[in-house]
Amino acid sequence: MSLFAEYLADPNIEKGLISIGLIILVGLVKSALERAIISRSRRKKAGYRSKVNTMRNTLNVSLVFILVVLWASELQSFAFSIAAFMFAIVFATKEYLQCYLGYFYYISARPFRIGDWIQINEGVGEVIAADWTKLTMLEVDLHTNSYTGKHLFIPNHQILLKPVRNLNFLRRYTLSSFTITCEPTIDVFPVVDELHEQALEFCKEFIDVAERYKGVIEKRLDVEFIPTEPHFTVSTNQFAKICIGVDIFCPIEQSVILRQQITKAFFNLWHAKVGDTPSLERRRSETIETP
């Protein structure tokens, strides 16, 4: 018993036990708070990732601060003992130091938040967590504006070294652009005019919301944004085909549906116009038969 008491009397042993107890306690508190936040957010049908991430980082920073204060004297002695090797240590851990600097830049400048869609280098996704060393994102395919099911782990030093593009404004609405190609057998401009009228009918259910959303973007960015009405352009390609370019500012979930509706409407109008137009051979015969 006396040997055990002497063992506990060692201040380093006592501090070690306290440190282990703090780590276990913070882990339990973190787990309990995380479950509570997720449960409450799901009942209210609200997002929880930002709250969970803030709670985790706050507890981690608090734990590190308490441990540094607890072991301050030992850390000071250790720092003096390795002063000669400090340069080598900094050089060997420069990537980790850059990650910490990237994290401090993130929490101070706030170029994005949890839940935002961002692009760093070639990685595009929704930020679901951010800690001292990395960002965790759900990968997003910008062509379909849908999740790919993959996770991206971006080291924080990429925030300092690479441009960060915040795509959150295009998370609900997107500029859907596509091209319709057809043969140059008729004059397509009357067809495009009729198609524009039909496209307005397809978009009338969300055009007011899109206009308000556009106003929010213009107010925050202080720039003129794209028009909300469908826009059509006519051009030709290298194969002498007619190309009708279509640009629509629409909700992401309706992007594919609108593409199909407009494409179907165009070809219905185009085939009707082609059916009403005499063929080249018929026009030639009518011209020959005319006295």
C-alpha atoms as a PDB file:
ATOM      1  CA  MET A   1       0.000   0.000   0.000  1.00  0.00           C
ATOM      2  CA  SER A   2       2.829   2.358   0.833  1.00  0.00           C
ATOM      3  CA  LEU A   3       4.474   1.567  -2.503  1.00  0.00           C
ATOM      4  CA  PHE A   4       1.236   2.474  -4.317  1.00  0.00           C
ATOM      5  CA  ALA A   5       0.978   5.707  -2.316  1.00  0.00           C
ATOM      6  CA  GLU A   6       4.561   6.600  -3.215  1.00  0.00           C
ATOM      7  CA  TYR A   7       3.796   5.795  -6.827  1.00  0.00           C
ATOM      8  CA  LEU A   8       0.821   8.193  -6.802  1.00  0.00           C
ATOM      9  CA  ALA A   9       2.845  10.817  -4.964  1.00  0.00           C
ATOM     10  CA  ASP A  10       4.966  11.330  -8.063  1.00  0.00           C
ATOM     11  CA  PRO A  11       3.656  14.606  -9.598  1.00  0.00           C
ATOM     12  CA  ASN A  12       4.208  13.355 -13.167  1.00  0.00           C
ATOM     13  CA  ILE A  13       2.144  10.237 -12.481  1.00  0.00           C
ATOM     14  CA  GLU A  14      -0.570  12.367 -10.928  1.00  0.00           C
ATOM     15  CA  LYS A  15      -0.609  14.701 -13.933  1.00  0.00           C
ATOM     16  CA  GLY A  16      -0.678  11.721 -16.294  1.00  0.00           C
ATOM     17  CA  LEU A  17      -3.725  10.260 -14.573  1.00  0.00           C
ATOM     18  CA  ILE A  18      -5.451  13.639 -14.609  1.00  0.00           C
ATOM     19  CA  SER A  19      -4.668  13.996 -18.316  1.00  0.00           C
ATOM     20  CA  ILE A  20      -6.057  10.553 -19.114  1.00  0.00           C
ATOM     21  CA  GLY A  21      -9.168  11.328 -17.077  1.00  0.00           C
ATOM     22  CA  LEU A  22      -9.677  14.630 -18.913  1.00  0.00           C
ATOM     23  CA  ILE A  23      -9.291  12.980 -22.303  1.00  0.00           C
ATOM     24  CA  ILE A  24     -11.847  10.292 -21.416  1.00  0.00           C
ATOM     25  CA  LEU A  25     -14.232  12.874 -19.926  1.00  0.00           C
ATOM     26  CA  VAL A  26     -14.038  15.157 -22.962  1.00  0.00           C
ATOM     27  CA  GLY A  27     -14.591  12.157 -25.243  1.00  0.00           C
ATOM     28  CA  LEU A  28     -17.723  11.144 -23.326  1.00  0.00           C
ATOM     29  CA  VAL A  29     -19.060  14.703 -23.221  1.00  0.00           C
ATOM     30  CA  LYS A  30     -18.368  15.099 -26.937  1.00  0.00           C
ATOM     31  CA  SER A  31     -20.221  11.884 -27.772  1.00  0.00           C
ATOM     32  CA  ALA A  32     -23.203  12.795 -25.580  1.00  0.00           C
ATOM     33  CA  LEU A  33     -23.476  16.338 -26.964  1.00  0.00           C
ATOM     34  CA  GLU A  34     -23.173  15.071 -30.531  1.00  0.00           C
ATOM     35  CA  ARG A  35     -26.047  12.639 -30.059  1.00  0.00           C
ATOM     36  CA  ALA A  36     -28.154  15.344 -28.407  1.00  0.00           C
ATOM     37  CA  ILE A  37     -27.502  17.899 -31.177  1.00  0.00           C
ATOM     38  CA  ILE A  38     -28.251  15.381 -33.949  1.00  0.00           C
ATOM     39  CA  SER A  39     -31.433  14.183 -32.240  1.00  0.00           C
ATOM     40  CA  ARG A  40     -32.694  17.729 -31.641  1.00  0.00           C
ATOM     41  CA  SER A  41     -31.844  18.896 -35.160  1.00  0.00           C
ATOM     42  CA  ARG A  42     -33.598  15.929 -36.754  1.00  0.00           C
ATOM     43  CA  ARG A  43     -36.743  16.642 -34.740  1.00  0.00           C
ATOM     44  CA  LYS A  44     -36.679  20.240 -35.987  1.00  0.00           C
ATOM     45  CA  LYS A  45     -35.624  19.109 -39.496  1.00  0.00           C
ATOM     46  CA  ALA A  46     -32.618  21.428 -39.389  1.00  0.00           C
ATOM     47  CA  GLY A  47     -28.961  20.982 -40.275  1.00  0.00           C
ATOM     48  CA  TYR A  48     -26.651  19.767 -37.546  1.00  0.00           C
ATOM     49  CA  ARG A  49     -23.201  19.456 -39.142  1.00  0.00           C
ATOM     50  CA  SER A  50     -22.146  23.039 -38.411  1.00  0.00           C
ATOM     51  CA  LYS A  51     -23.156  22.772 -34.719  1.00  0.00           C
ATOM     52  CA  VAL A  52     -21.438  19.399 -34.305  1.00  0.00           C
ATOM     53  CA  ASN A  53     -18.260  20.665 -35.945  1.00  0.00           C
ATOM     54  CA  THR A  54     -18.195  23.796 -33.744  1.00  0.00           C
ATOM     55  CA  MET A  55     -18.773  21.729 -30.609  1.00  0.00           C
ATOM     56  CA  ARG A  56     -15.986  19.293 -31.482  1.00  0.00           C
ATOM     57  CA  ASN A  57     -13.449  22.008 -32.237  1.00  0.00           C
ATOM     58  CA  THR A  58     -14.359  23.969 -29.083  1.00  0.00           C
ATOM     59  CA  LEU A  59     -13.893  20.931 -26.837  1.00  0.00           C
ATOM     60  CA  ASN A  60     -10.653  19.966 -28.588  1.00  0.00           C
ATOM     61  CA  VAL A  61      -9.179  23.449 -28.198  1.00  0.00           C
ATOM     62  CA  SER A  62     -10.260  23.575 -24.549  1.00  0.00           C
ATOM     63  CA  LEU A  63      -8.703  20.167 -23.877  1.00  0.00           C
ATOM     64  CA  VAL A  64      -5.408  21.150 -25.490  1.00  0.00           C
ATOM     65  CA  PHE A  65      -5.312  24.424 -23.547  1.00  0.00           C
ATOM     66  CA  ILE A  66      -5.926  22.636 -20.221  1.00  0.00           C
ATOM     67  CA  LEU A  67      -3.263  20.023 -20.982  1.00  0.00           C
ATOM     68  CA  VAL A  68      -0.738  22.717 -21.949  1.00  0.00           C
ATOM     69  CA  VAL A  69      -1.394  24.576 -18.675  1.00  0.00           C
ATOM     70  CA  LEU A  70      -1.187  21.334 -16.702  1.00  0.00           C
ATOM     71  CA  TRP A  71       2.128  20.322 -18.264  1.00  0.00           C
ATOM     72  CA  ALA A  72       3.548  23.839 -18.632  1.00  0.00           C
ATOM     73  CA  SER A  73       6.686  23.278 -16.554  1.00  0.00           C
ATOM     74  CA  GLU A  74       7.501  19.974 -18.237  1.00  0.00           C
ATOM     75  CA  LEU A  75       6.903  21.461 -21.678  1.00  0.00           C
ATOM     76  CA  GLN A  76       9.185  24.377 -20.852  1.00  0.00           C
ATOM     77  CA  SER A  77      11.981  22.039 -19.770  1.00  0.00           C
ATOM     78  CA  PHE A  78      11.436  19.914 -22.854  1.00  0.00           C
ATOM     79  CA  ALA A  79      11.574  22.990 -25.098  1.00  0.00           C
ATOM     80  CA  PHE A  80      14.907  24.068 -23.617  1.00  0.00           C
ATOM     81  CA  SER A  81      16.310  20.578 -24.040  1.00  0.00           C
ATOM     82  CA  ILE A  82      15.469  20.400 -27.738  1.00  0.00           C
ATOM     83  CA  ALA A  83      16.304  24.005 -28.647  1.00  0.00           C
ATOM     84  CA  ALA A  84      19.265  22.815 -30.709  1.00  0.00           C
ATOM     85  CA  PHE A  85      17.008  20.517 -32.746  1.00  0.00           C
ATOM     86  CA  MET A  86      14.160  22.999 -33.181  1.00  0.00           C
ATOM     87  CA  PHE A  87      15.028  23.815 -36.790  1.00  0.00           C
ATOM     88  CA  ALA A  88      15.053  20.152 -37.750  1.00  0.00           C
ATOM     89  CA  ILE A  89      11.715  19.589 -35.996  1.00  0.00           C
ATOM     90  CA  VAL A  90      10.102  22.574 -37.728  1.00  0.00           C
ATOM     91  CA  PHE A  91      11.439  21.457 -41.102  1.00  0.00           C
ATOM     92  CA  ALA A  92      10.185  17.894 -40.580  1.00  0.00           C
ATOM     93  CA  THR A  93       6.718  19.030 -39.494  1.00  0.00           C
ATOM     94  CA  LYS A  94       6.243  22.006 -41.825  1.00  0.00           C
ATOM     95  CA  GLU A  95       3.272  20.374 -43.585  1.00  0.00           C
ATOM     96  CA  TYR A  96       1.483  19.942 -40.258  1.00  0.00           C
ATOM     97  CA  LEU A  97       2.306  23.517 -39.271  1.00  0.00           C
ATOM     98  CA  GLN A  98       0.890  24.731 -42.577  1.00  0.00           C
ATOM     99  CA  CYS A  99      -2.271  22.734 -41.865  1.00  0.00           C
ATOM    100  CA  TYR A 100      -2.619  24.473 -38.481  1.00  0.00           C
ATOM    101  CA  LEU A 101      -2.048  27.868 -40.126  1.00  0.00           C
ATOM    102  CA  GLY A 102      -4.670  26.972 -42.744  1.00  0.00           C
ATOM    103  CA  TYR A 103      -7.146  26.140 -39.991  1.00  0.00           C
ATOM    104  CA  PHE A 104      -6.513  29.463 -38.215  1.00  0.00           C
ATOM    105  CA  TYR A 105      -7.006  31.232 -41.544  1.00  0.00           C
ATOM    106  CA  TYR A 106     -10.299  29.366 -41.979  1.00  0.00           C
ATOM    107  CA  ILE A 107     -11.694  30.317 -38.555  1.00  0.00           C
ATOM    108  CA  SER A 108     -10.560  33.949 -38.894  1.00  0.00           C
ATOM    109  CA  ALA A 109     -11.396  34.778 -42.532  1.00  0.00           C
ATOM    110  CA  ARG A 110     -14.390  32.410 -42.876  1.00  0.00           C
ATOM    111  CA  PRO A 111     -14.180  31.977 -46.678  1.00  0.00           C
ATOM    112  CA  PHE A 112     -16.814  29.246 -46.294  1.00  0.00           C
ATOM    113  CA  ARG A 113     -18.895  27.519 -43.654  1.00  0.00           C
ATOM    114  CA  ILE A 114     -19.997  23.999 -42.854  1.00  0.00           C
ATOM    115  CA  GLY A 115     -22.609  23.038 -45.439  1.00  0.00           C
ATOM    116  CA  ASP A 116     -21.246  25.283 -48.214  1.00  0.00           C
ATOM    117  CA  TRP A 117     -20.325  23.969 -51.638  1.00  0.00           C
ATOM    118  CA  ILE A 118     -16.718  24.874 -52.433  1.00  0.00           C
ATOM    119  CA  GLN A 119     -14.051  24.058 -54.983  1.00  0.00           C
ATOM    120  CA  ILE A 120     -10.377  23.702 -54.026  1.00  0.00           C
ATOM    121  CA  ASN A 121      -8.108  22.852 -56.928  1.00  0.00           C
ATOM    122  CA  GLU A 122      -9.929  19.955 -58.678  1.00  0.00           C
ATOM    123  CA  GLY A 123     -12.017  18.956 -55.655  1.00  0.00           C
ATOM    124  CA  VAL A 124     -15.660  20.058 -55.528  1.00  0.00           C
ATOM    125  CA  GLY A 125     -18.009  19.171 -52.714  1.00  0.00           C
ATOM    126  CA  GLU A 126     -20.058  20.089 -49.666  1.00  0.00           C
ATOM    127  CA  VAL A 127     -18.049  20.825 -46.515  1.00  0.00           C
ATOM    128  CA  ILE A 128     -19.267  18.539 -43.732  1.00  0.00           C
ATOM    129  CA  ALA A 129     -16.406  18.880 -41.215  1.00  0.00           C
ATOM    130  CA  ALA A 130     -13.301  20.968 -40.570  1.00  0.00           C
ATOM    131  CA  ASP A 131     -10.618  20.249 -37.991  1.00  0.00           C
ATOM    132  CA  TRP A 132      -7.026  21.305 -37.357  1.00  0.00           C
ATOM    133  CA  THR A 133      -5.526  19.233 -40.156  1.00  0.00           C
ATOM    134  CA  LYS A 134      -8.113  18.675 -42.897  1.00  0.00           C
ATOM    135  CA  LEU A 135     -11.441  19.484 -44.499  1.00  0.00           C
ATOM    136  CA  THR A 136     -13.927  16.696 -45.097  1.00  0.00           C
ATOM    137  CA  MET A 137     -16.251  17.098 -48.074  1.00  0.00           C
ATOM    138  CA  LEU A 138     -18.934  15.132 -49.849  1.00  0.00           C
ATOM    139  CA  GLU A 139     -17.933  15.161 -53.516  1.00  0.00           C
ATOM    140  CA  VAL A 140     -20.374  16.872 -55.914  1.00  0.00           C
ATOM    141  CA  ASP A 141     -20.564  16.433 -59.682  1.00  0.00           C
ATOM    142  CA  LEU A 142     -21.097  19.918 -61.129  1.00  0.00           C
ATOM    143  CA  HIS A 143     -22.463  18.516 -64.386  1.00  0.00           C
ATOM    144  CA  THR A 144     -25.439  16.913 -62.649  1.00  0.00           C
ATOM    145  CA  ASN A 145     -25.288  18.927 -59.372  1.00  0.00           C
ATOM    146  CA  SER A 146     -25.589  15.690 -57.412  1.00  0.00           C
ATOM    147  CA  TYR A 147     -23.503  13.836 -54.838  1.00  0.00           C
ATOM    148  CA  THR A 148     -21.165  11.135 -56.111  1.00  0.00           C
ATOM    149  CA  GLY A 149     -21.110   9.214 -52.815  1.00  0.00           C
ATOM    150  CA  LYS A 150     -17.373   9.821 -52.334  1.00  0.00           C
ATOM    151  CA  HIS A 151     -15.598  11.681 -49.527  1.00  0.00           C
ATOM    152  CA  LEU A 152     -12.820  14.189 -50.162  1.00  0.00           C
ATOM    153  CA  PHE A 153     -10.189  14.893 -47.509  1.00  0.00           C
ATOM    154  CA  ILE A 154      -8.364  18.170 -48.219  1.00  0.00           C
ATOM    155  CA  PRO A 155      -5.316  19.143 -46.086  1.00  0.00           C
ATOM    156  CA  ASN A 156      -5.789  22.600 -44.586  1.00  0.00           C
ATOM    157  CA  HIS A 157      -2.608  23.947 -46.157  1.00  0.00           C
ATOM    158  CA  GLN A 158      -4.436  23.779 -49.522  1.00  0.00           C
ATOM    159  CA  ILE A 159      -6.570  26.695 -48.278  1.00  0.00           C
ATOM    160  CA  LEU A 160      -3.407  28.824 -48.151  1.00  0.00           C
ATOM    161  CA  LEU A 161      -1.842  27.570 -51.384  1.00  0.00           C
ATOM    162  CA  LYS A 162      -4.837  27.120 -53.716  1.00  0.00           C
ATOM    163  CA  PRO A 163      -7.757  29.407 -54.652  1.00  0.00           C
ATOM    164  CA  VAL A 164     -10.989  28.556 -52.819  1.00  0.00           C
ATOM    165  CA  ARG A 165     -14.183  29.000 -54.842  1.00  0.00           C
ATOM    166  CA  ASN A 166     -17.392  29.249 -52.847  1.00  0.00           C
ATOM    167  CA  LEU A 167     -20.166  27.713 -54.951  1.00  0.00           C
ATOM    168  CA  ASN A 168     -22.869  27.994 -52.328  1.00  0.00           C
ATOM    169  CA  PHE A 169     -24.900  30.532 -54.329  1.00  0.00           C
ATOM    170  CA  LEU A 170     -25.386  27.893 -57.039  1.00  0.00           C
ATOM    171  CA  ARG A 171     -26.395  25.178 -54.589  1.00  0.00           C
ATOM    172  CA  ARG A 172     -30.167  25.721 -54.874  1.00  0.00           C
ATOM    173  CA  TYR A 173     -30.280  27.285 -58.333  1.00  0.00           C
ATOM    174  CA  THR A 174     -27.956  26.707 -61.236  1.00  0.00           C
ATOM    175  CA  LEU A 175     -27.391  27.988 -64.754  1.00  0.00           C
ATOM    176  CA  SER A 176     -28.335  24.982 -66.865  1.00  0.00           C
ATOM    177  CA  SER A 177     -26.755  25.264 -70.320  1.00  0.00           C
ATOM    178  CA  PHE A 178     -27.186  22.782 -73.143  1.00  0.00           C
ATOM    179  CA  THR A 179     -27.270  22.667 -76.943  1.00  0.00           C
ATOM    180  CA  ILE A 180     -29.848  21.274 -79.368  1.00  0.00           C
ATOM    181  CA  THR A 181     -28.542  20.313 -82.830  1.00  0.00           C
ATOM    182  CA  CYS A 182     -30.644  19.878 -85.973  1.00  0.00           C
ATOM    183  CA  GLU A 183     -30.380  19.852 -89.751  1.00  0.00           C
ATOM    184  CA  PRO A 184     -30.465  23.211 -91.581  1.00  0.00           C
ATOM    185  CA  THR A 185     -33.559  22.291 -93.614  1.00  0.00           C
ATOM    186  CA  ILE A 186     -35.812  25.113 -92.426  1.00  0.00           C
ATOM    187  CA  ASP A 187     -35.624  28.572 -90.909  1.00  0.00           C
ATOM    188  CA  VAL A 188     -35.273  27.826 -87.192  1.00  0.00           C
ATOM    189  CA  PHE A 189     -35.826  31.376 -85.911  1.00  0.00           C
ATOM    190  CA  PRO A 190     -39.643  31.145 -85.917  1.00  0.00           C
ATOM    191  CA  VAL A 191     -39.279  27.784 -84.152  1.00  0.00           C
ATOM    192  CA  VAL A 192     -36.994  29.330 -81.534  1.00  0.00           C
ATOM    193  CA  ASP A 193     -39.501  32.158 -80.939  1.00  0.00           C
ATOM    194  CA  GLU A 194     -42.281  29.642 -80.290  1.00  0.00           C
ATOM    195  CA  LEU A 195     -39.930  27.556 -78.161  1.00  0.00           C
ATOM    196  CA  HIS A 196     -39.151  30.617 -76.037  1.00  0.00           C
ATOM    197  CA  GLU A 197     -42.843  31.074 -75.284  1.00  0.00           C
ATOM    198  CA  GLN A 198     -43.192  27.421 -74.270  1.00  0.00           C
ATOM    199  CA  ALA A 199     -40.040  27.623 -72.127  1.00  0.00           C
ATOM    200  CA  LEU A 200     -41.544  30.555 -70.227  1.00  0.00           C
ATOM    201  CA  GLU A 201     -44.560  28.353 -69.477  1.00  0.00           C
ATOM    202  CA  PHE A 202     -42.269  25.582 -68.212  1.00  0.00           C
ATOM    203  CA  CYS A 203     -40.482  28.041 -65.892  1.00  0.00           C
ATOM    204  CA  LYS A 204     -43.430  30.101 -64.636  1.00  0.00           C
ATOM    205  CA  GLU A 205     -43.852  28.090 -61.410  1.00  0.00           C
ATOM    206  CA  PHE A 206     -40.409  29.080 -60.068  1.00  0.00           C
ATOM    207  CA  ILE A 207     -39.583  32.262 -61.994  1.00  0.00           C
ATOM    208  CA  ASP A 208     -40.610  34.541 -59.085  1.00  0.00           C
ATOM    209  CA  VAL A 209     -38.485  32.627 -56.579  1.00  0.00           C
ATOM    210  CA  ALA A 210     -35.577  32.627 -59.024  1.00  0.00           C
ATOM    211  CA  GLU A 211     -35.875  36.406 -59.380  1.00  0.00           C
ATOM    212  CA  ARG A 212     -35.709  36.860 -55.583  1.00  0.00           C
ATOM    213  CA  TYR A 213     -32.792  34.457 -55.336  1.00  0.00           C
ATOM    214  CA  LYS A 214     -31.023  36.388 -58.086  1.00  0.00           C
ATOM    215  CA  GLY A 215     -31.625  39.603 -56.138  1.00  0.00           C
ATOM    216  CA  VAL A 216     -29.998  38.113 -53.033  1.00  0.00           C
ATOM    217  CA  ILE A 217     -26.940  37.079 -55.055  1.00  0.00           C
ATOM    218  CA  GLU A 218     -26.649  40.512 -56.682  1.00  0.00           C
ATOM    219  CA  LYS A 219     -26.956  42.224 -53.299  1.00  0.00           C
ATOM    220  CA  ARG A 220     -24.229  40.120 -51.701  1.00  0.00           C
ATOM    221  CA  LEU A 221     -21.839  40.117 -54.655  1.00  0.00           C
ATOM    222  CA  ASP A 222     -22.619  43.712 -55.730  1.00  0.00           C
ATOM    223  CA  VAL A 223     -22.619  42.673 -59.394  1.00  0.00           C
ATOM    224  CA  GLU A 224     -25.213  42.217 -62.125  1.00  0.00           C
ATOM    225  CA  PHE A 225     -26.177  38.554 -62.300  1.00  0.00           C
ATOM    226  CA  ILE A 226     -27.529  36.407 -65.130  1.00  0.00           C
ATOM    227  CA  PRO A 227     -31.143  36.862 -66.324  1.00  0.00           C
ATOM    228  CA  THR A 228     -33.746  34.494 -64.938  1.00  0.00           C
ATOM    229  CA  GLU A 229     -35.718  34.080 -68.168  1.00  0.00           C
ATOM    230  CA  PRO A 230     -34.696  31.336 -70.633  1.00  0.00           C
ATOM    231  CA  HIS A 231     -32.153  32.560 -73.164  1.00  0.00           C
ATOM    232  CA  PHE A 232     -31.675  31.089 -76.651  1.00  0.00           C
ATOM    233  CA  THR A 233     -28.868  31.555 -79.185  1.00  0.00           C
ATOM    234  CA  VAL A 234     -28.598  30.179 -82.721  1.00  0.00           C
ATOM    235  CA  SER A 235     -25.287  29.241 -84.332  1.00  0.00           C
ATOM    236  CA  THR A 236     -23.708  26.624 -86.587  1.00  0.00           C
ATOM    237  CA  ASN A 237     -20.959  24.087 -85.994  1.00  0.00           C
ATOM    238  CA  GLN A 238     -18.114  22.748 -88.117  1.00  0.00           C
ATOM    239  CA  PHE A 239     -20.462  20.171 -89.683  1.00  0.00           C
ATOM    240  CA  ALA A 240     -22.849  22.866 -91.004  1.00  0.00           C
ATOM    241  CA  LYS A 241     -25.528  21.873 -88.487  1.00  0.00           C
ATOM    242  CA  ILE A 242     -27.805  24.321 -86.679  1.00  0.00           C
ATOM    243  CA  CYS A 243     -27.028  24.605 -82.938  1.00  0.00           C
ATOM    244  CA  ILE A 244     -29.546  26.157 -80.549  1.00  0.00           C
ATOM    245  CA  GLY A 245     -27.912  27.083 -77.244  1.00  0.00           C
ATOM    246  CA  VAL A 246     -30.222  27.165 -74.218  1.00  0.00           C
ATOM    247  CA  ASP A 247     -29.443  28.849 -70.875  1.00  0.00           C
ATOM    248  CA  ILE A 248     -31.895  28.515 -67.985  1.00  0.00           C
ATOM    249  CA  PHE A 249     -31.508  29.711 -64.388  1.00  0.00           C
ATOM    250  CA  CYS A 250     -33.525  27.068 -62.574  1.00  0.00           C
ATOM    251  CA  PRO A 251     -33.664  24.904 -59.420  1.00  0.00           C
ATOM    252  CA  ILE A 252     -31.107  22.136 -59.459  1.00  0.00           C
ATOM    253  CA  GLU A 253     -33.673  19.378 -59.022  1.00  0.00           C
ATOM    254  CA  GLN A 254     -35.576  20.556 -62.127  1.00  0.00           C
ATOM    255  CA  SER A 255     -32.553  21.029 -64.381  1.00  0.00           C
ATOM    256  CA  VAL A 256     -32.736  17.622 -66.108  1.00  0.00           C
ATOM    257  CA  ILE A 257     -36.546  17.756 -66.359  1.00  0.00           C
ATOM    258  CA  LEU A 258     -36.447  21.154 -68.069  1.00  0.00           C
ATOM    259  CA  ARG A 259     -33.801  19.966 -70.508  1.00  0.00           C
ATOM    260  CA  GLN A 260     -36.034  17.094 -71.556  1.00  0.00           C
ATOM    261  CA  GLN A 261     -39.143  19.282 -71.803  1.00  0.00           C
ATOM    262  CA  ILE A 262     -37.455  21.962 -73.909  1.00  0.00           C
ATOM    263  CA  THR A 263     -35.737  19.418 -76.161  1.00  0.00           C
ATOM    264  CA  LYS A 264     -39.020  17.575 -76.734  1.00  0.00           C
ATOM    265  CA  ALA A 265     -40.871  20.830 -77.408  1.00  0.00           C
ATOM    266  CA  PHE A 266     -38.229  21.947 -79.908  1.00  0.00           C
ATOM    267  CA  PHE A 267     -38.330  18.779 -81.965  1.00  0.00           C
ATOM    268  CA  ASN A 268     -42.127  18.757 -81.929  1.00  0.00           C
ATOM    269  CA  LEU A 269     -42.111  22.283 -83.353  1.00  0.00           C
ATOM    270  CA  TRP A 270     -39.266  21.483 -85.734  1.00  0.00           C
ATOM    271  CA  HIS A 271     -40.916  18.355 -87.191  1.00  0.00           C
ATOM    272  CA  ALA A 272     -44.212  20.216 -87.534  1.00  0.00           C
ATOM    273  CA  LYS A 273     -42.427  23.005 -89.386  1.00  0.00           C
ATOM    274  CA  VAL A 274     -40.558  20.523 -91.599  1.00  0.00           C
ATOM    275  CA  GLY A 275     -43.844  18.744 -92.400  1.00  0.00           C
ATOM    276  CA  ASP A 276     -45.433  22.025 -93.492  1.00  0.00           C
ATOM    277  CA  THR A 277     -42.435  22.960 -95.651  1.00  0.00           C
ATOM    278  CA  PRO A 278     -42.337  21.528 -99.210  1.00  0.00           C
ATOM    279  CA  SER A 279     -39.322  19.388 -99.971  1.00  0.00           C
ATOM    280  CA  LEU A 280     -36.557  20.585-102.283  1.00  0.00           C
ATOM    281  CA  GLU A 281     -37.640  18.212-105.094  1.00  0.00           C
ATOM    282  CA  ARG A 282     -41.261  19.368-104.830  1.00  0.00           C
ATOM    283  CA  ARG A 283     -40.238  23.025-104.957  1.00  0.00           C
ATOM    284  CA  ARG A 284     -38.078  22.325-107.998  1.00  0.00           C
ATOM    285  CA  SER A 285     -40.933  20.535-109.799  1.00  0.00           C
ATOM    286  CA  GLU A 286     -43.375  23.315-108.967  1.00  0.00           C
ATOM    287  CA  THR A 287     -40.885  25.847-110.327  1.00  0.00           C
ATOM    288  CA  ILE A 288     -40.446  23.882-113.576  1.00  0.00           C
ATOM    289  CA  GLU A 289     -44.212  23.442-114.043  1.00  0.00           C
ATOM    290  CA  THR A 290     -44.896  27.141-113.545  1.00  0.00           C
ATOM    291  CA  PRO A 291     -45.455  28.728-117.033  1.00  0.00           C
END
